[in-house]
Amino acid sequence: MFLLAFLASTALPLASEWLLVALVIKGLNPVLLLTCAVSGNYLGACTTYAIGFYGSDYAIRKILKISDESRVKAERIYNKYGAISLLFSWVPVIGDPLCLVGGLFKMHFIKYSVLVLIGKFIRYAATVWLTLKGTETFIQ
């Protein structure tokens, strides 16, 4: 569970919810599964953040060709208004780029971590809860 959740939170086109649902239905400990899924997915997001953080100068100057003025302005706007978007870092397709942008703009890591952890916890907790409720409904 941990490994798939980790890989799903990188640029690889993977999903981890199917395995979480299957393991919950199989009867494994939902709290342990939730912990593994959130931990793996969070650490994968931190890897994406680190790629953005340590590759930001090269990416912004050489690939994106953004001036220092524009970068400072974009960082200020992102840190003021865009950081909350990290609550949606779990959303397929847009989640990984959101984490990368957090790193590119060198967002404070504690703030980044809190927002990403909240979003990922809600996603996986909802998946576990819905699976438990669904199996409870269909088994009875």
Foldseek 3Di string as FASTA:
>chain_A
DLQQLQVVLAPDVGDDLVVLLVVVLVPPDNVVSLVSNLVSNLVSLVVLLQCLQVCLVCCVCPVVNHDPVRLVVVLVCCQVPVLLCLLVLVPPPVNSVSSSVCNNSVPPVVSSSVSNSNSSSVVSVVSSVVSVVVVVVVVD
